[in-house]
């Protein structure tokens, strides 16, 4: 086998293995949804440990970042330490496939900061 044939074979194997790893993830995304990075597909997972820290995860069904408490080990790649990092990495802007109600507006976004900080509220 020549050096050229070896390189072609190696490149083919690399691309084939890459497709095998990415294809199952793309199968998890419902038709009509757009995801910017594969790690944005995962459901948030706190992991098995108990060293709780507040982190952010992306919910591709609502196109929003939500906070949750991560246990410090395990889990999956859908974990960000700031909301800004989560939005920058995963949020899809002006997705033409995403349906919106005709009566919906952006007023719900002004309440989002209150929802994000609900654990700071005092009764």
N, C-alpha and C. Protein backbone atom coordinates (compact mmCIF):
# COMPACT_ATOMS: atom_id res chain seq x y z
N UNK A 1 0.86 -1.18 0.00
CA UNK A 1 0.00 0.00 0.00
C UNK A 1 0.90 1.24 0.00
N UNK A 2 0.63 2.14 -0.89
CA UNK A 2 1.44 3.34 -0.97
C UNK A 2 1.03 4.33 0.13
N UNK A 3 1.88 5.29 0.32
CA UNK A 3 1.61 6.32 1.33
C UNK A 3 0.31 7.07 1.00
N UNK A 4 0.08 7.35 -0.27
CA UNK A 4 -1.13 8.06 -0.70
C UNK A 4 -2.38 7.23 -0.40
N UNK A 5 -2.35 5.94 -0.71
CA UNK A 5 -3.49 5.07 -0.43
C UNK A 5 -3.76 4.97 1.07
N UNK A 6 -2.69 4.93 1.85
CA UNK A 6 -2.84 4.86 3.30
C UNK A 6 -3.54 6.12 3.83
N UNK A 7 -3.14 7.29 3.34
CA UNK A 7 -3.76 8.54 3.77
C UNK A 7 -5.23 8.59 3.38
N UNK A 8 -5.57 8.15 2.19
CA UNK A 8 -6.97 8.14 1.74
C UNK A 8 -7.78 7.20 2.62
N UNK A 9 -7.24 6.03 2.91
CA UNK A 9 -7.94 5.06 3.76
C UNK A 9 -8.13 5.60 5.17
N UNK A 10 -7.09 6.22 5.72
CA UNK A 10 -7.18 6.79 7.07
C UNK A 10 -8.22 7.90 7.11
N UNK A 11 -8.26 8.76 6.10
CA UNK A 11 -9.23 9.84 6.07
C UNK A 11 -10.65 9.28 5.96
N UNK A 12 -10.84 8.26 5.15
CA UNK A 12 -12.15 7.64 4.99
C UNK A 12 -12.62 7.05 6.33
N UNK A 13 -11.74 6.34 7.03
CA UNK A 13 -12.09 5.77 8.33
C UNK A 13 -12.44 6.85 9.34
N UNK A 14 -11.66 7.93 9.35
CA UNK A 14 -11.92 9.03 10.28
C UNK A 14 -13.30 9.63 10.03
N UNK A 15 -13.63 9.89 8.77
CA UNK A 15 -14.93 10.47 8.44
C UNK A 15 -16.07 9.50 8.73
N UNK A 16 -15.87 8.23 8.49
CA UNK A 16 -16.90 7.23 8.76
C UNK A 16 -17.18 7.12 10.25
N UNK A 17 -16.13 7.07 11.05
CA UNK A 17 -16.30 7.00 12.51
C UNK A 17 -16.98 8.27 13.01
N UNK A 18 -16.61 9.42 12.48
CA UNK A 18 -17.25 10.68 12.87
C UNK A 18 -18.73 10.67 12.58
N UNK A 19 -19.12 10.14 11.44
CA UNK A 19 -20.54 10.07 11.10
C UNK A 19 -21.28 9.13 12.03
N UNK A 20 -20.65 8.04 12.43
CA UNK A 20 -21.28 7.09 13.35
C UNK A 20 -21.51 7.71 14.72
N UNK A 21 -20.62 8.61 15.13
CA UNK A 21 -20.77 9.24 16.44
C UNK A 21 -21.78 10.37 16.41
N UNK A 22 -21.86 11.13 15.33
CA UNK A 22 -22.75 12.29 15.26
C UNK A 22 -24.16 11.92 14.84
N UNK A 23 -24.33 10.93 13.99
CA UNK A 23 -25.65 10.56 13.49
C UNK A 23 -26.64 10.21 14.60
N UNK A 24 -26.25 9.43 15.63
CA UNK A 24 -27.23 9.14 16.68
C UNK A 24 -27.70 10.39 17.41
N UNK A 25 -26.81 11.38 17.59
CA UNK A 25 -27.21 12.61 18.26
C UNK A 25 -28.20 13.39 17.41
N UNK A 26 -27.96 13.46 16.12
CA UNK A 26 -28.88 14.22 15.27
C UNK A 26 -30.23 13.54 15.18
N UNK A 27 -30.28 12.23 15.41
CA UNK A 27 -31.56 11.53 15.40
C UNK A 27 -32.42 11.91 16.59
N UNK A 28 -31.81 12.45 17.65
CA UNK A 28 -32.56 12.83 18.84
C UNK A 28 -33.29 14.16 18.67
N UNK A 29 -32.88 14.97 17.71
CA UNK A 29 -33.48 16.28 17.52
C UNK A 29 -34.75 16.13 16.69
N UNK A 30 -35.89 16.56 17.23
CA UNK A 30 -37.13 16.45 16.45
C UNK A 30 -37.06 17.25 15.16
N UNK A 31 -37.77 16.78 14.17
CA UNK A 31 -37.79 17.47 12.88
C UNK A 31 -38.30 18.89 13.06
N UNK A 32 -37.64 19.84 12.42
CA UNK A 32 -38.06 21.23 12.50
C UNK A 32 -37.30 22.04 13.54
N UNK A 33 -36.42 21.40 14.32
CA UNK A 33 -35.63 22.11 15.32
C UNK A 33 -34.20 22.22 14.84
N UNK A 34 -33.59 23.33 15.15
CA UNK A 34 -32.20 23.58 14.78
C UNK A 34 -31.37 23.62 16.05
N UNK A 35 -30.21 22.99 16.01
CA UNK A 35 -29.30 22.99 17.16
C UNK A 35 -27.94 23.44 16.66
N UNK A 36 -27.30 24.36 17.39
CA UNK A 36 -26.02 24.91 16.94
C UNK A 36 -24.85 23.97 17.20
N UNK A 37 -24.86 23.27 18.33
CA UNK A 37 -23.77 22.34 18.65
C UNK A 37 -24.36 21.06 19.22
N UNK A 38 -23.71 19.92 19.00
CA UNK A 38 -24.25 18.65 19.52
C UNK A 38 -24.47 18.64 21.02
N UNK A 39 -23.64 19.33 21.80
CA UNK A 39 -23.83 19.29 23.25
C UNK A 39 -25.10 19.99 23.70
N UNK A 40 -25.70 20.78 22.83
CA UNK A 40 -26.95 21.47 23.17
C UNK A 40 -28.17 20.55 23.09
N UNK A 41 -27.99 19.35 22.57
CA UNK A 41 -29.09 18.40 22.41
C UNK A 41 -29.42 17.69 23.72
N UNK A 42 -28.42 17.46 24.55
CA UNK A 42 -28.60 16.66 25.76
C UNK A 42 -29.58 17.31 26.73
N UNK A 43 -30.31 16.47 27.45
CA UNK A 43 -31.12 16.96 28.57
C UNK A 43 -30.18 17.28 29.72
N UNK A 44 -30.53 18.25 30.55
CA UNK A 44 -29.66 18.57 31.68
C UNK A 44 -29.56 17.35 32.59
N UNK A 45 -28.38 17.14 33.15
CA UNK A 45 -28.13 15.97 33.99
C UNK A 45 -27.27 16.40 35.18
N UNK A 46 -27.80 16.34 36.40
CA UNK A 46 -27.05 16.78 37.57
C UNK A 46 -25.90 15.86 37.95
N UNK A 47 -25.86 14.63 37.43
CA UNK A 47 -24.82 13.68 37.76
C UNK A 47 -25.06 13.03 39.12
N UNK A 48 -24.24 12.03 39.48
CA UNK A 48 -24.48 11.26 40.70
C UNK A 48 -23.91 11.88 41.98
N UNK A 49 -23.01 12.83 41.88
CA UNK A 49 -22.37 13.38 43.08
C UNK A 49 -23.25 14.44 43.76
N UNK A 50 -22.83 14.88 44.95
CA UNK A 50 -23.67 15.78 45.75
C UNK A 50 -22.99 17.10 46.12
N UNK A 51 -22.01 17.54 45.34
CA UNK A 51 -21.35 18.83 45.57
C UNK A 51 -22.06 19.89 44.74
N UNK A 52 -23.25 20.28 45.14
CA UNK A 52 -24.15 21.07 44.32
C UNK A 52 -23.61 22.46 43.99
N UNK A 53 -23.67 22.79 42.71
CA UNK A 53 -23.30 24.12 42.23
C UNK A 53 -24.31 24.51 41.15
N UNK A 54 -24.70 25.77 41.14
CA UNK A 54 -25.68 26.25 40.15
C UNK A 54 -25.00 26.41 38.79
N UNK A 55 -25.56 25.75 37.79
CA UNK A 55 -25.05 25.83 36.42
C UNK A 55 -26.23 26.04 35.47
N UNK A 56 -25.92 26.17 34.19
CA UNK A 56 -26.94 26.41 33.18
C UNK A 56 -26.91 25.30 32.14
N UNK A 57 -28.08 24.94 31.64
CA UNK A 57 -28.19 23.96 30.57
C UNK A 57 -29.16 24.48 29.53
N UNK A 58 -28.98 24.03 28.30
CA UNK A 58 -29.83 24.50 27.21
C UNK A 58 -30.98 23.54 26.98
N UNK A 59 -32.18 24.09 26.81
CA UNK A 59 -33.37 23.32 26.47
C UNK A 59 -33.72 23.66 25.03
N UNK A 60 -33.39 22.77 24.10
CA UNK A 60 -33.59 23.09 22.68
C UNK A 60 -35.06 23.13 22.29
N UNK A 61 -35.94 22.53 23.08
CA UNK A 61 -37.36 22.58 22.74
C UNK A 61 -37.94 23.98 22.94
N UNK A 62 -37.41 24.72 23.92
CA UNK A 62 -37.89 26.08 24.16
C UNK A 62 -36.88 27.13 23.70
N UNK A 63 -35.69 26.70 23.27
CA UNK A 63 -34.63 27.60 22.83
C UNK A 63 -34.20 28.55 23.95
N UNK A 64 -34.11 28.01 25.17
CA UNK A 64 -33.74 28.82 26.33
C UNK A 64 -32.71 28.10 27.19
N UNK A 65 -31.99 28.89 27.94
CA UNK A 65 -31.08 28.33 28.93
C UNK A 65 -31.78 28.31 30.28
N UNK A 66 -31.68 27.19 30.97
CA UNK A 66 -32.32 27.04 32.27
C UNK A 66 -31.25 26.69 33.30
N UNK A 67 -31.46 27.12 34.54
CA UNK A 67 -30.46 26.76 35.54
C UNK A 67 -30.88 25.47 36.22
N UNK A 68 -29.86 24.78 36.71
CA UNK A 68 -30.08 23.57 37.51
C UNK A 68 -28.87 23.41 38.41
N UNK A 69 -28.94 22.46 39.32
CA UNK A 69 -27.84 22.22 40.24
C UNK A 69 -27.08 20.97 39.82
N UNK A 70 -25.79 21.15 39.55
CA UNK A 70 -24.91 20.07 39.12
C UNK A 70 -24.19 19.53 40.34
N UNK A 71 -24.08 18.20 40.43
CA UNK A 71 -23.49 17.55 41.60
C UNK A 71 -21.98 17.51 41.62
N UNK A 72 -21.30 17.88 40.55
CA UNK A 72 -19.85 17.94 40.57
C UNK A 72 -19.15 16.82 39.81
N UNK A 73 -19.86 15.78 39.40
CA UNK A 73 -19.25 14.71 38.60
C UNK A 73 -20.32 14.08 37.70
N UNK A 74 -19.84 13.39 36.67
CA UNK A 74 -20.78 12.75 35.74
C UNK A 74 -21.52 13.79 34.93
N UNK A 75 -22.76 13.51 34.65
CA UNK A 75 -23.56 14.43 33.86
C UNK A 75 -23.24 14.29 32.38
N UNK A 76 -23.41 15.37 31.64
CA UNK A 76 -23.13 15.37 30.21
C UNK A 76 -22.62 16.74 29.78
N UNK A 77 -22.28 16.93 28.51
CA UNK A 77 -21.69 18.20 28.07
C UNK A 77 -22.61 19.42 28.11
N UNK A 78 -23.92 19.23 28.28
CA UNK A 78 -24.85 20.37 28.30
C UNK A 78 -24.79 21.02 29.68
N UNK A 79 -23.68 21.69 29.95
CA UNK A 79 -23.46 22.33 31.25
C UNK A 79 -22.60 23.57 31.03
N UNK A 80 -23.10 24.70 31.50
CA UNK A 80 -22.40 25.97 31.34
C UNK A 80 -22.39 26.68 32.68
N UNK A 81 -21.33 27.43 32.97
CA UNK A 81 -21.21 28.08 34.27
C UNK A 81 -21.80 29.48 34.30
N UNK A 82 -22.17 30.01 33.14
CA UNK A 82 -22.90 31.28 33.09
C UNK A 82 -24.02 31.17 32.06
N UNK A 83 -25.06 31.95 32.27
CA UNK A 83 -26.16 31.96 31.31
C UNK A 83 -25.70 32.52 29.97
N UNK A 84 -24.82 33.53 30.01
CA UNK A 84 -24.32 34.13 28.78
C UNK A 84 -23.57 33.10 27.93
N UNK A 85 -22.75 32.26 28.57
CA UNK A 85 -22.02 31.22 27.84
C UNK A 85 -22.99 30.23 27.19
N UNK A 86 -24.03 29.86 27.93
CA UNK A 86 -25.05 28.94 27.42
C UNK A 86 -25.75 29.53 26.20
N UNK A 87 -26.19 30.78 26.31
CA UNK A 87 -26.89 31.43 25.20
C UNK A 87 -25.98 31.58 23.98
N UNK A 88 -24.74 31.98 24.22
CA UNK A 88 -23.80 32.19 23.12
C UNK A 88 -23.50 30.88 22.38
N UNK A 89 -23.45 29.79 23.13
CA UNK A 89 -23.10 28.50 22.54
C UNK A 89 -24.28 27.84 21.83
N UNK A 90 -25.47 27.95 22.41
CA UNK A 90 -26.58 27.11 21.94
C UNK A 90 -27.78 27.83 21.36
N UNK A 91 -28.07 29.05 21.77
CA UNK A 91 -29.32 29.67 21.36
C UNK A 91 -29.37 29.91 19.86
N UNK A 92 -30.50 29.58 19.26
CA UNK A 92 -30.73 29.78 17.83
C UNK A 92 -31.56 31.04 17.67
N UNK A 93 -31.07 31.97 16.88
CA UNK A 93 -31.78 33.23 16.65
C UNK A 93 -32.51 33.16 15.32
N UNK A 94 -33.76 33.63 15.33
CA UNK A 94 -34.58 33.70 14.11
C UNK A 94 -34.60 32.39 13.34
N UNK A 95 -34.88 31.31 14.05
CA UNK A 95 -34.99 30.01 13.40
C UNK A 95 -36.26 30.00 12.54
N UNK A 96 -36.14 29.87 11.24
CA UNK A 96 -37.33 29.92 10.38
C UNK A 96 -38.27 28.73 10.59
N UNK A 97 -37.76 27.64 11.17
CA UNK A 97 -38.60 26.46 11.38
C UNK A 97 -39.37 26.50 12.69
N UNK A 98 -39.00 27.41 13.59
CA UNK A 98 -39.65 27.45 14.89
C UNK A 98 -40.96 28.22 14.78
N UNK A 99 -42.02 27.60 15.20
CA UNK A 99 -43.35 28.20 15.13
C UNK A 99 -43.61 29.05 16.36
N UNK A 100 -44.26 30.18 16.18
CA UNK A 100 -44.65 31.05 17.29
C UNK A 100 -46.14 31.31 17.20
N UNK A 101 -46.76 31.46 18.36
CA UNK A 101 -48.17 31.83 18.37
C UNK A 101 -48.32 33.23 17.80
N UNK A 102 -49.43 33.49 17.15
CA UNK A 102 -49.65 34.81 16.56
C UNK A 102 -49.75 35.90 17.62
N UNK A 103 -50.28 35.55 18.79
CA UNK A 103 -50.44 36.55 19.84
C UNK A 103 -49.22 36.65 20.75
N UNK A 104 -48.17 35.88 20.47
CA UNK A 104 -47.01 35.91 21.35
C UNK A 104 -46.16 37.14 21.04
N UNK A 105 -45.53 37.64 22.07
CA UNK A 105 -44.61 38.75 21.90
C UNK A 105 -43.40 38.50 22.78
N UNK A 106 -42.51 39.43 22.85
CA UNK A 106 -41.30 39.23 23.62
C UNK A 106 -41.45 39.67 25.07
N UNK A 107 -42.66 39.96 25.53
CA UNK A 107 -42.83 40.43 26.90
C UNK A 107 -42.46 39.36 27.92
N UNK A 108 -42.52 38.09 27.53
CA UNK A 108 -42.16 37.03 28.47
C UNK A 108 -40.68 37.08 28.84
N UNK A 109 -39.84 37.64 27.96
CA UNK A 109 -38.41 37.72 28.26
C UNK A 109 -38.12 38.63 29.44
N UNK A 110 -38.95 39.64 29.69
CA UNK A 110 -38.68 40.55 30.80
C UNK A 110 -38.89 39.87 32.15
N UNK A 111 -39.62 38.76 32.18
CA UNK A 111 -39.82 38.02 33.43
C UNK A 111 -38.78 36.93 33.62
N UNK A 112 -37.99 36.67 32.60
CA UNK A 112 -37.05 35.56 32.65
C UNK A 112 -36.01 35.73 33.75
N UNK A 113 -35.53 36.94 33.99
CA UNK A 113 -34.53 37.13 35.03
C UNK A 113 -35.10 36.81 36.40
N UNK A 114 -36.38 37.13 36.63
CA UNK A 114 -37.00 36.78 37.90
C UNK A 114 -37.09 35.26 38.05
N UNK A 115 -37.43 34.57 36.99
CA UNK A 115 -37.53 33.12 37.04
C UNK A 115 -36.16 32.51 37.27
N UNK A 116 -35.13 33.05 36.63
CA UNK A 116 -33.78 32.52 36.77
C UNK A 116 -33.28 32.62 38.20
N UNK A 117 -33.71 33.64 38.93
CA UNK A 117 -33.22 33.86 40.29
C UNK A 117 -34.26 33.50 41.35
N UNK A 118 -35.14 32.58 41.04
CA UNK A 118 -36.22 32.26 41.98
C UNK A 118 -35.69 31.75 43.31
N UNK A 119 -34.49 31.14 43.32
CA UNK A 119 -33.98 30.61 44.58
C UNK A 119 -33.50 31.72 45.52
N UNK A 120 -33.47 32.97 45.06
CA UNK A 120 -33.07 34.09 45.91
C UNK A 120 -34.27 34.80 46.53
N UNK A 121 -35.46 34.41 46.15
CA UNK A 121 -36.65 35.08 46.66
C UNK A 121 -36.89 34.70 48.12
N UNK A 122 -37.38 35.65 48.87
CA UNK A 122 -37.73 35.39 50.26
C UNK A 122 -39.24 35.44 50.40
N UNK A 123 -39.75 34.57 51.23
CA UNK A 123 -41.20 34.55 51.47
C UNK A 123 -41.56 35.31 52.71
